[in-house]
N, C-alpha and C. Protein backbone atom coordinates (compact mmCIF):
# COMPACT_ATOMS: atom_id res chain seq x y z
N MET A 1 133.95 83.48 115.58
CA MET A 1 133.76 84.30 114.41
C MET A 1 132.80 85.43 114.75
N ARG A 2 133.15 86.66 114.39
CA ARG A 2 132.29 87.81 114.60
C ARG A 2 131.31 87.96 113.46
N SER A 3 130.11 88.33 113.81
CA SER A 3 129.14 88.60 112.75
C SER A 3 129.01 90.11 112.58
N MET A 4 128.64 90.51 111.40
CA MET A 4 128.47 91.93 111.11
C MET A 4 127.09 92.13 110.50
N VAL A 5 126.39 93.10 111.02
CA VAL A 5 125.09 93.45 110.48
C VAL A 5 125.26 94.73 109.68
N VAL A 6 124.89 94.69 108.43
CA VAL A 6 124.97 95.86 107.56
C VAL A 6 123.56 96.32 107.26
N ASN A 7 123.31 97.59 107.51
CA ASN A 7 122.01 98.18 107.19
C ASN A 7 122.11 98.84 105.83
N LEU A 8 121.15 98.60 104.99
CA LEU A 8 121.19 99.11 103.62
C LEU A 8 119.92 99.91 103.34
N MET A 9 120.09 101.09 102.78
CA MET A 9 118.97 101.92 102.38
C MET A 9 119.29 102.47 101.01
N TRP A 10 118.39 102.39 100.08
CA TRP A 10 118.64 103.00 98.77
C TRP A 10 117.44 103.85 98.38
N LYS A 11 117.75 104.89 97.67
CA LYS A 11 116.71 105.81 97.21
C LYS A 11 117.07 106.30 95.82
N HIS A 12 116.04 106.60 95.05
CA HIS A 12 116.24 107.21 93.74
C HIS A 12 115.59 108.59 93.81
N PHE A 13 116.37 109.59 94.22
CA PHE A 13 115.81 110.92 94.36
C PHE A 13 116.70 112.01 93.81
N PHE A 14 117.84 111.65 93.30
CA PHE A 14 118.84 112.65 92.95
C PHE A 14 119.09 112.61 91.45
N THR A 15 118.86 113.72 90.77
CA THR A 15 119.12 113.82 89.34
C THR A 15 120.11 114.94 89.12
N LYS A 16 121.19 114.65 88.44
CA LYS A 16 122.22 115.65 88.16
C LYS A 16 122.46 115.69 86.67
N THR A 17 122.40 116.86 86.10
CA THR A 17 122.63 117.08 84.67
C THR A 17 121.94 116.03 83.80
N ASN A 18 120.65 115.87 84.02
CA ASN A 18 119.81 114.97 83.23
C ASN A 18 120.15 113.49 83.37
N ASN A 19 120.96 113.13 84.33
CA ASN A 19 121.25 111.72 84.59
C ASN A 19 120.52 111.28 85.84
N LYS A 20 119.95 110.09 85.81
CA LYS A 20 119.33 109.54 87.00
C LYS A 20 120.42 108.88 87.85
N ASN A 21 120.26 108.97 89.15
CA ASN A 21 121.21 108.38 90.07
C ASN A 21 120.48 107.50 91.08
N VAL A 22 121.14 106.45 91.50
CA VAL A 22 120.68 105.62 92.60
C VAL A 22 121.62 105.89 93.76
N ILE A 23 121.07 106.22 94.92
CA ILE A 23 121.86 106.54 96.09
C ILE A 23 121.68 105.42 97.11
N VAL A 24 122.79 104.92 97.64
CA VAL A 24 122.77 103.82 98.59
C VAL A 24 123.50 104.27 99.86
N LEU A 25 122.87 104.07 101.01
CA LEU A 25 123.49 104.33 102.30
C LEU A 25 123.71 103.00 103.00
N ILE A 26 124.95 102.72 103.36
CA ILE A 26 125.27 101.50 104.10
C ILE A 26 125.80 101.92 105.46
N SER A 27 125.35 101.25 106.51
CA SER A 27 125.86 101.52 107.85
C SER A 27 126.13 100.21 108.57
N TRP A 28 127.11 100.24 109.46
CA TRP A 28 127.46 99.06 110.24
C TRP A 28 128.10 99.50 111.54
N GLU A 29 127.95 98.65 112.55
CA GLU A 29 128.53 98.94 113.86
C GLU A 29 130.03 98.71 113.83
N GLN A 30 130.76 99.62 114.47
CA GLN A 30 132.23 99.51 114.59
C GLN A 30 132.56 99.49 116.07
N ARG A 31 133.20 98.43 116.54
CA ARG A 31 133.61 98.32 117.93
C ARG A 31 135.02 97.71 117.96
N HIS A 32 135.99 98.53 118.32
CA HIS A 32 137.38 98.08 118.43
C HIS A 32 137.97 98.74 119.67
N SER A 33 138.06 97.98 120.77
CA SER A 33 138.52 98.58 122.02
C SER A 33 139.98 99.02 121.95
N ALA A 34 140.84 98.27 121.29
CA ALA A 34 142.26 98.64 121.20
C ALA A 34 142.45 99.97 120.48
N GLU A 35 141.68 100.21 119.45
CA GLU A 35 141.79 101.46 118.69
C GLU A 35 140.84 102.54 119.20
N LYS A 36 140.09 102.22 120.26
CA LYS A 36 139.12 103.14 120.86
C LYS A 36 138.10 103.64 119.83
N ILE A 37 137.51 102.67 119.12
CA ILE A 37 136.46 102.97 118.15
C ILE A 37 135.17 102.35 118.66
N ASN A 38 134.11 103.16 118.73
CA ASN A 38 132.83 102.67 119.20
C ASN A 38 131.73 103.52 118.56
N GLY A 39 131.01 102.95 117.61
CA GLY A 39 129.95 103.72 116.97
C GLY A 39 129.42 103.03 115.73
N THR A 40 128.81 103.82 114.89
CA THR A 40 128.24 103.33 113.63
C THR A 40 128.95 104.01 112.48
N ALA A 41 129.47 103.22 111.55
CA ALA A 41 130.13 103.75 110.35
C ALA A 41 129.08 103.88 109.25
N TYR A 42 129.22 104.92 108.43
CA TYR A 42 128.29 105.18 107.33
C TYR A 42 129.07 105.43 106.05
N HIS A 43 128.50 104.98 104.94
CA HIS A 43 129.08 105.27 103.63
C HIS A 43 127.93 105.43 102.63
N VAL A 44 127.95 106.55 101.92
CA VAL A 44 126.95 106.83 100.89
C VAL A 44 127.58 106.54 99.53
N TYR A 45 126.93 105.73 98.73
CA TYR A 45 127.38 105.41 97.38
C TYR A 45 126.40 106.00 96.38
N GLY A 46 126.91 106.44 95.26
CA GLY A 46 126.06 106.95 94.19
C GLY A 46 126.36 106.23 92.89
N TYR A 47 125.31 105.89 92.17
CA TYR A 47 125.45 105.20 90.89
C TYR A 47 124.63 105.93 89.84
N ASN A 48 125.21 106.14 88.67
CA ASN A 48 124.47 106.67 87.53
C ASN A 48 123.62 105.54 86.95
N TYR A 49 122.38 105.86 86.61
CA TYR A 49 121.48 104.87 86.02
C TYR A 49 121.13 105.33 84.61
N SER A 50 121.51 104.52 83.63
CA SER A 50 121.23 104.85 82.24
C SER A 50 121.12 103.57 81.43
N LEU A 51 120.11 103.50 80.60
CA LEU A 51 119.91 102.35 79.71
C LEU A 51 119.96 101.02 80.47
N ASN A 52 119.28 100.97 81.61
CA ASN A 52 119.20 99.77 82.46
C ASN A 52 120.55 99.32 83.00
N ASN A 53 121.51 100.23 83.09
CA ASN A 53 122.82 99.91 83.64
C ASN A 53 123.16 100.88 84.76
N LEU A 54 123.92 100.39 85.74
CA LEU A 54 124.44 101.22 86.82
C LEU A 54 125.94 101.37 86.66
N SER A 55 126.44 102.58 86.88
CA SER A 55 127.88 102.81 86.92
C SER A 55 128.16 103.77 88.07
N ILE A 56 129.33 103.68 88.64
CA ILE A 56 129.68 104.50 89.79
C ILE A 56 129.66 105.98 89.41
N ASN A 57 129.06 106.79 90.26
CA ASN A 57 129.08 108.24 90.09
C ASN A 57 130.39 108.73 90.71
N PRO A 58 131.36 109.15 89.90
CA PRO A 58 132.69 109.50 90.43
C PRO A 58 132.68 110.71 91.35
N SER A 59 131.78 111.66 91.14
CA SER A 59 131.71 112.83 92.01
C SER A 59 131.32 112.44 93.43
N ILE A 60 130.32 111.59 93.54
CA ILE A 60 129.86 111.15 94.86
C ILE A 60 130.91 110.24 95.49
N LYS A 61 131.55 109.40 94.70
CA LYS A 61 132.58 108.51 95.23
C LYS A 61 133.72 109.29 95.88
N LYS A 62 134.09 110.43 95.30
CA LYS A 62 135.21 111.22 95.81
C LYS A 62 134.83 112.15 96.96
N ASP A 63 133.56 112.30 97.24
CA ASP A 63 133.09 113.25 98.25
C ASP A 63 133.31 112.68 99.66
N GLN A 64 134.32 113.19 100.35
CA GLN A 64 134.68 112.69 101.68
C GLN A 64 133.64 113.02 102.75
N ASN A 65 132.71 113.92 102.45
CA ASN A 65 131.65 114.23 103.41
C ASN A 65 130.62 113.11 103.50
N LEU A 66 130.64 112.18 102.54
CA LEU A 66 129.61 111.16 102.46
C LEU A 66 130.02 109.83 103.06
N ASN A 67 131.04 109.83 103.90
CA ASN A 67 131.35 108.65 104.70
C ASN A 67 131.94 109.11 106.02
N GLY A 68 131.70 108.33 107.05
CA GLY A 68 132.23 108.72 108.35
C GLY A 68 131.66 107.86 109.47
N LEU A 69 131.98 108.27 110.68
CA LEU A 69 131.61 107.53 111.88
C LEU A 69 130.74 108.41 112.76
N ASN A 70 129.73 107.82 113.33
CA ASN A 70 128.93 108.47 114.35
C ASN A 70 129.22 107.73 115.65
N GLY A 71 130.01 108.34 116.52
CA GLY A 71 130.40 107.68 117.76
C GLY A 71 131.75 108.20 118.22
N GLU A 72 132.51 107.32 118.85
CA GLU A 72 133.80 107.71 119.42
C GLU A 72 134.95 107.11 118.63
N PHE A 73 135.96 107.94 118.37
CA PHE A 73 137.18 107.49 117.70
C PHE A 73 138.37 108.06 118.45
N ASN A 74 139.13 107.18 119.11
CA ASN A 74 140.33 107.58 119.84
C ASN A 74 140.05 108.71 120.84
N GLY A 75 138.93 108.59 121.55
CA GLY A 75 138.57 109.57 122.56
C GLY A 75 137.83 110.79 122.05
N GLU A 76 137.71 110.94 120.74
CA GLU A 76 137.02 112.08 120.15
C GLU A 76 135.61 111.66 119.72
N GLU A 77 134.63 112.49 120.04
CA GLU A 77 133.25 112.23 119.65
C GLU A 77 133.03 112.74 118.23
N LEU A 78 132.59 111.84 117.33
CA LEU A 78 132.35 112.19 115.93
C LEU A 78 130.85 112.10 115.63
N HIS A 79 130.37 112.99 114.76
CA HIS A 79 128.95 113.02 114.41
C HIS A 79 128.81 113.06 112.89
N PHE A 80 128.40 111.94 112.31
CA PHE A 80 128.16 111.87 110.87
C PHE A 80 126.81 112.52 110.57
N LYS A 81 126.77 113.41 109.60
CA LYS A 81 125.58 114.24 109.35
C LYS A 81 124.51 113.59 108.48
N TYR A 82 124.86 112.61 107.66
CA TYR A 82 123.94 112.16 106.61
C TYR A 82 123.53 110.71 106.85
N LYS A 83 122.61 110.50 107.80
CA LYS A 83 122.23 109.16 108.23
C LYS A 83 120.88 108.69 107.70
N ASN A 84 120.25 109.50 106.86
CA ASN A 84 118.96 109.08 106.30
C ASN A 84 118.74 109.75 104.95
N ALA A 85 117.70 109.32 104.26
CA ALA A 85 117.45 109.80 102.89
C ALA A 85 117.24 111.31 102.84
N ALA A 86 116.51 111.87 103.79
CA ALA A 86 116.23 113.31 103.77
C ALA A 86 117.51 114.12 103.91
N GLU A 87 118.40 113.73 104.82
CA GLU A 87 119.66 114.45 105.02
C GLU A 87 120.57 114.33 103.81
N ILE A 88 120.63 113.13 103.23
CA ILE A 88 121.47 112.92 102.04
C ILE A 88 120.92 113.74 100.87
N LYS A 89 119.62 113.71 100.68
CA LYS A 89 119.00 114.45 99.58
C LYS A 89 119.28 115.94 99.70
N THR A 90 119.12 116.50 100.88
CA THR A 90 119.39 117.93 101.10
C THR A 90 120.84 118.25 100.77
N TYR A 91 121.77 117.41 101.23
CA TYR A 91 123.19 117.64 100.95
C TYR A 91 123.47 117.59 99.45
N LEU A 92 123.00 116.55 98.79
CA LEU A 92 123.27 116.39 97.36
C LEU A 92 122.68 117.54 96.54
N GLN A 93 121.47 117.93 96.87
CA GLN A 93 120.84 119.01 96.11
C GLN A 93 121.53 120.35 96.33
N SER A 94 122.16 120.55 97.48
CA SER A 94 122.85 121.81 97.73
C SER A 94 124.28 121.82 97.21
N HIS A 95 124.89 120.65 97.01
CA HIS A 95 126.28 120.58 96.57
C HIS A 95 126.46 120.15 95.12
N TYR A 96 125.45 119.56 94.53
CA TYR A 96 125.55 119.07 93.15
C TYR A 96 124.39 119.62 92.35
N LYS A 97 124.60 120.75 91.72
CA LYS A 97 123.52 121.37 90.93
C LYS A 97 123.80 121.25 89.46
């Protein structure tokens, strides 16, 4: 049985149109020799926070820039840009005003 280590980081730094959001970054190692995948996968999730409840932020969910691979995929070198809170915050503040 293979084990998987998932790294989790969450921050509350992004406010859009008077709504509070919780931002979660999840990363995990991807190694598949047959598919020539070797690297770290990343996915950023956003949740609206209101009245002590969380709900999915649909804008962030649909944003394809907020998930990807940092490493090799089928011989191509890929570089995911948003691997920490500062990079994610800068991206969100520049794309979601």
